[in-house]
């Protein structure tokens, strides 16, 4: 499942802009190249899954709105062949920063079904072995 689609990209950035970014045919075909968009979206999904894998099971079954917004920013940046506008670069950097914060737990995703499942472990470990150092065998050192 992809986190953003051609439709969401078109809604956010417009068909004309996407055509200008993706129509790489010579001579230009005058249409959005869906193959270019699909590659950018696949790369975007890989980046997002790479960050989220630290905390969540990926790919996400239910995509929260934060992830869609992040995916749109990353995919739009990746569609540029040359250095994009500074705002597009800032949006891309902000998206990666958000992914790092989600991975670290600073930001939590809003959808309840994407929360990591508890393992039932508390983190404390107990052992049933005999203690090697006790007050009796350390007599004189304590």
C-alpha atoms as a PDB file:
ATOM      1  CA  UNK A   1       0.000   0.000   0.000  1.00  0.00           C
ATOM      2  CA  UNK A   2       1.377   3.373  -0.974  1.00  0.00           C
ATOM      3  CA  UNK A   3       1.123   6.311   1.417  1.00  0.00           C
ATOM      4  CA  UNK A   4       0.421   8.847  -1.333  1.00  0.00           C
ATOM      5  CA  UNK A   5      -1.069   8.393  -4.799  1.00  0.00           C
ATOM      6  CA  UNK A   6      -1.084  10.184  -8.113  1.00  0.00           C
ATOM      7  CA  UNK A   7      -4.526  11.504  -7.177  1.00  0.00           C
ATOM      8  CA  UNK A   8      -3.331  12.986  -3.864  1.00  0.00           C
ATOM      9  CA  UNK A   9      -0.279  14.482  -5.583  1.00  0.00           C
ATOM     10  CA  UNK A  10      -2.513  16.014  -8.244  1.00  0.00           C
ATOM     11  CA  UNK A  11      -4.907  17.397  -5.617  1.00  0.00           C
ATOM     12  CA  UNK A  12      -2.043  19.005  -3.696  1.00  0.00           C
ATOM     13  CA  UNK A  13       0.224  20.274  -6.494  1.00  0.00           C
ATOM     14  CA  UNK A  14      -1.928  20.340  -9.627  1.00  0.00           C
ATOM     15  CA  UNK A  15      -1.846  18.342 -12.865  1.00  0.00           C
ATOM     16  CA  UNK A  16       0.042  21.059 -14.730  1.00  0.00           C
ATOM     17  CA  UNK A  17       2.903  21.060 -12.235  1.00  0.00           C
ATOM     18  CA  UNK A  18       3.123  17.267 -12.232  1.00  0.00           C
ATOM     19  CA  UNK A  19       3.111  17.195 -16.005  1.00  0.00           C
ATOM     20  CA  UNK A  20       5.986  19.676 -16.079  1.00  0.00           C
ATOM     21  CA  UNK A  21       7.973  17.573 -13.584  1.00  0.00           C
ATOM     22  CA  UNK A  22       7.306  14.125 -15.022  1.00  0.00           C
ATOM     23  CA  UNK A  23       6.996  14.535 -18.791  1.00  0.00           C
ATOM     24  CA  UNK A  24      10.550  13.629 -19.723  1.00  0.00           C
ATOM     25  CA  UNK A  25       9.849  12.325 -23.231  1.00  0.00           C
ATOM     26  CA  UNK A  26      11.533  13.868 -26.253  1.00  0.00           C
ATOM     27  CA  UNK A  27       9.436  15.462 -27.681  1.00  0.00           C
ATOM     28  CA  UNK A  28       7.215  16.031 -24.610  1.00  0.00           C
ATOM     29  CA  UNK A  29       4.014  14.004 -24.628  1.00  0.00           C
ATOM     30  CA  UNK A  30       1.960  16.648 -22.825  1.00  0.00           C
ATOM     31  CA  UNK A  31       0.809  14.239 -20.092  1.00  0.00           C
ATOM     32  CA  UNK A  32       1.836  13.131 -16.635  1.00  0.00           C
ATOM     33  CA  UNK A  33       4.258  10.199 -16.856  1.00  0.00           C
ATOM     34  CA  UNK A  34       2.762   7.744 -14.370  1.00  0.00           C
ATOM     35  CA  UNK A  35       5.922   5.621 -14.399  1.00  0.00           C
ATOM     36  CA  UNK A  36       7.982   8.535 -13.075  1.00  0.00           C
ATOM     37  CA  UNK A  37       5.347   9.219 -10.412  1.00  0.00           C
ATOM     38  CA  UNK A  38       5.181   5.533  -9.426  1.00  0.00           C
ATOM     39  CA  UNK A  39       8.973   5.394  -8.967  1.00  0.00           C
ATOM     40  CA  UNK A  40       8.933   8.521  -6.801  1.00  0.00           C
ATOM     41  CA  UNK A  41       6.073   7.128  -4.714  1.00  0.00           C
ATOM     42  CA  UNK A  42       7.828   3.760  -4.291  1.00  0.00           C
ATOM     43  CA  UNK A  43      11.023   5.526  -3.178  1.00  0.00           C
ATOM     44  CA  UNK A  44       8.972   7.622  -0.781  1.00  0.00           C
ATOM     45  CA  UNK A  45       7.327   4.542   0.714  1.00  0.00           C
ATOM     46  CA  UNK A  46      10.759   2.992   1.227  1.00  0.00           C
ATOM     47  CA  UNK A  47      12.022   6.066   3.076  1.00  0.00           C
ATOM     48  CA  UNK A  48       8.941   6.224   5.294  1.00  0.00           C
ATOM     49  CA  UNK A  49       9.006   2.500   6.076  1.00  0.00           C
ATOM     50  CA  UNK A  50      12.706   2.733   6.884  1.00  0.00           C
ATOM     51  CA  UNK A  51      12.045   5.312   9.578  1.00  0.00           C
ATOM     52  CA  UNK A  52       8.808   3.842  10.927  1.00  0.00           C
ATOM     53  CA  UNK A  53      10.148   0.284  11.152  1.00  0.00           C
ATOM     54  CA  UNK A  54      11.818   1.281  14.432  1.00  0.00           C
ATOM     55  CA  UNK A  55       8.404   1.702  16.107  1.00  0.00           C
ATOM     56  CA  UNK A  56       5.639   0.347  13.892  1.00  0.00           C
ATOM     57  CA  UNK A  57       4.864  -2.653  11.741  1.00  0.00           C
ATOM     58  CA  UNK A  58       5.319  -1.549   8.144  1.00  0.00           C
ATOM     59  CA  UNK A  59       3.774  -1.032   5.715  1.00  0.00           C
ATOM     60  CA  UNK A  60       1.049   0.650   7.742  1.00  0.00           C
ATOM     61  CA  UNK A  61      -2.383  -0.878   7.239  1.00  0.00           C
ATOM     62  CA  UNK A  62      -4.204   2.351   8.037  1.00  0.00           C
ATOM     63  CA  UNK A  63      -2.412   5.490   6.877  1.00  0.00           C
ATOM     64  CA  UNK A  64      -2.710   8.427   9.294  1.00  0.00           C
ATOM     65  CA  UNK A  65      -2.995  11.953   7.850  1.00  0.00           C
ATOM     66  CA  UNK A  66       0.490  12.901   9.104  1.00  0.00           C
ATOM     67  CA  UNK A  67       2.054  10.172   6.975  1.00  0.00           C
ATOM     68  CA  UNK A  68       0.127  11.233   3.863  1.00  0.00           C
ATOM     69  CA  UNK A  69       1.384  14.795   4.295  1.00  0.00           C
ATOM     70  CA  UNK A  70       4.952  13.587   4.830  1.00  0.00           C
ATOM     71  CA  UNK A  71       4.699  11.284   1.794  1.00  0.00           C
ATOM     72  CA  UNK A  72       3.457  14.116  -0.419  1.00  0.00           C
ATOM     73  CA  UNK A  73       6.355  16.369   0.593  1.00  0.00           C
ATOM     74  CA  UNK A  74       8.969  13.678   0.007  1.00  0.00           C
ATOM     75  CA  UNK A  75       7.494  12.481  -3.302  1.00  0.00           C
ATOM     76  CA  UNK A  76       7.172  16.019  -4.673  1.00  0.00           C
ATOM     77  CA  UNK A  77      10.802  16.712  -3.767  1.00  0.00           C
ATOM     78  CA  UNK A  78      11.899  13.477  -5.450  1.00  0.00           C
ATOM     79  CA  UNK A  79      10.061  14.365  -8.652  1.00  0.00           C
ATOM     80  CA  UNK A  80      12.433  17.288  -9.202  1.00  0.00           C
ATOM     81  CA  UNK A  81      15.404  16.468 -11.414  1.00  0.00           C
ATOM     82  CA  UNK A  82      17.278  19.630 -10.486  1.00  0.00           C
ATOM     83  CA  UNK A  83      17.538  21.685  -7.306  1.00  0.00           C
ATOM     84  CA  UNK A  84      13.971  22.583  -6.306  1.00  0.00           C
ATOM     85  CA  UNK A  85      12.666  25.792  -4.825  1.00  0.00           C
ATOM     86  CA  UNK A  86      13.884  26.474  -1.227  1.00  0.00           C
ATOM     87  CA  UNK A  87      10.351  25.989   0.140  1.00  0.00           C
ATOM     88  CA  UNK A  88      10.152  22.521  -1.409  1.00  0.00           C
ATOM     89  CA  UNK A  89      13.534  21.706   0.154  1.00  0.00           C
ATOM     90  CA  UNK A  90      12.332  22.979   3.569  1.00  0.00           C
ATOM     91  CA  UNK A  91       9.170  20.869   3.296  1.00  0.00           C
ATOM     92  CA  UNK A  92      11.307  17.825   2.473  1.00  0.00           C
ATOM     93  CA  UNK A  93      13.641  18.491   5.417  1.00  0.00           C
ATOM     94  CA  UNK A  94      10.625  18.992   7.712  1.00  0.00           C
ATOM     95  CA  UNK A  95       9.152  15.691   6.515  1.00  0.00           C
ATOM     96  CA  UNK A  96      12.378  13.826   7.310  1.00  0.00           C
ATOM     97  CA  UNK A  97      12.578  15.551  10.698  1.00  0.00           C
ATOM     98  CA  UNK A  98       9.007  14.453  11.427  1.00  0.00           C
ATOM     99  CA  UNK A  99       9.872  10.878  10.476  1.00  0.00           C
ATOM    100  CA  UNK A 100      12.851  10.931  12.850  1.00  0.00           C
ATOM    101  CA  UNK A 101      10.612  12.240  15.643  1.00  0.00           C
ATOM    102  CA  UNK A 102       7.986   9.572  14.948  1.00  0.00           C
ATOM    103  CA  UNK A 103      10.699   6.906  14.999  1.00  0.00           C
ATOM    104  CA  UNK A 104      12.041   8.196  18.319  1.00  0.00           C
ATOM    105  CA  UNK A 105       8.569   8.417  19.867  1.00  0.00           C
ATOM    106  CA  UNK A 106       8.501  12.201  20.199  1.00  0.00           C
ATOM    107  CA  UNK A 107       5.562  12.346  17.770  1.00  0.00           C
ATOM    108  CA  UNK A 108       2.850   9.711  17.942  1.00  0.00           C
ATOM    109  CA  UNK A 109       0.675   8.792  15.008  1.00  0.00           C
ATOM    110  CA  UNK A 110      -3.010   9.607  15.472  1.00  0.00           C
ATOM    111  CA  UNK A 111      -4.531   6.406  14.085  1.00  0.00           C
ATOM    112  CA  UNK A 112      -5.026   3.921  16.906  1.00  0.00           C
ATOM    113  CA  UNK A 113      -4.505   0.805  14.809  1.00  0.00           C
ATOM    114  CA  UNK A 114      -0.899   1.684  13.935  1.00  0.00           C
ATOM    115  CA  UNK A 115       0.316   1.726  17.524  1.00  0.00           C
ATOM    116  CA  UNK A 116       2.923  -0.928  18.205  1.00  0.00           C
ATOM    117  CA  UNK A 117       1.645  -4.003  19.921  1.00  0.00           C
ATOM    118  CA  UNK A 118       2.846  -4.641  23.447  1.00  0.00           C
ATOM    119  CA  UNK A 119       5.046  -7.657  23.957  1.00  0.00           C
ATOM    120  CA  UNK A 120       3.871  -8.246  27.513  1.00  0.00           C
ATOM    121  CA  UNK A 121       7.396  -7.837  28.812  1.00  0.00           C
ATOM    122  CA  UNK A 122       8.266  -5.181  31.352  1.00  0.00           C
ATOM    123  CA  UNK A 123      11.903  -4.931  30.431  1.00  0.00           C
ATOM    124  CA  UNK A 124      13.115  -6.336  33.768  1.00  0.00           C
ATOM    125  CA  UNK A 125      14.884  -9.688  33.685  1.00  0.00           C
ATOM    126  CA  UNK A 126      15.109 -12.133  36.517  1.00  0.00           C
ATOM    127  CA  UNK A 127      17.445 -15.039  36.904  1.00  0.00           C
ATOM    128  CA  UNK A 128      17.097 -18.087  39.097  1.00  0.00           C
ATOM    129  CA  UNK A 129      20.837 -18.719  39.379  1.00  0.00           C
ATOM    130  CA  UNK A 130      22.570 -18.538  42.680  1.00  0.00           C
ATOM    131  CA  UNK A 131      24.152 -15.166  43.342  1.00  0.00           C
ATOM    132  CA  UNK A 132      27.945 -15.355  42.932  1.00  0.00           C
ATOM    133  CA  UNK A 133      28.590 -12.534  45.382  1.00  0.00           C
ATOM    134  CA  UNK A 134      26.836 -12.465  48.725  1.00  0.00           C
ATOM    135  CA  UNK A 135      27.490 -10.832  52.046  1.00  0.00           C
ATOM    136  CA  UNK A 136      28.912 -14.145  53.313  1.00  0.00           C
ATOM    137  CA  UNK A 137      31.550 -14.742  50.605  1.00  0.00           C
ATOM    138  CA  UNK A 138      32.543 -11.069  50.516  1.00  0.00           C
ATOM    139  CA  UNK A 139      33.138 -10.945  54.277  1.00  0.00           C
ATOM    140  CA  UNK A 140      36.055  -8.673  54.942  1.00  0.00           C
ATOM    141  CA  UNK A 141      35.582  -6.696  51.699  1.00  0.00           C
ATOM    142  CA  UNK A 142      32.381  -4.996  52.746  1.00  0.00           C
END
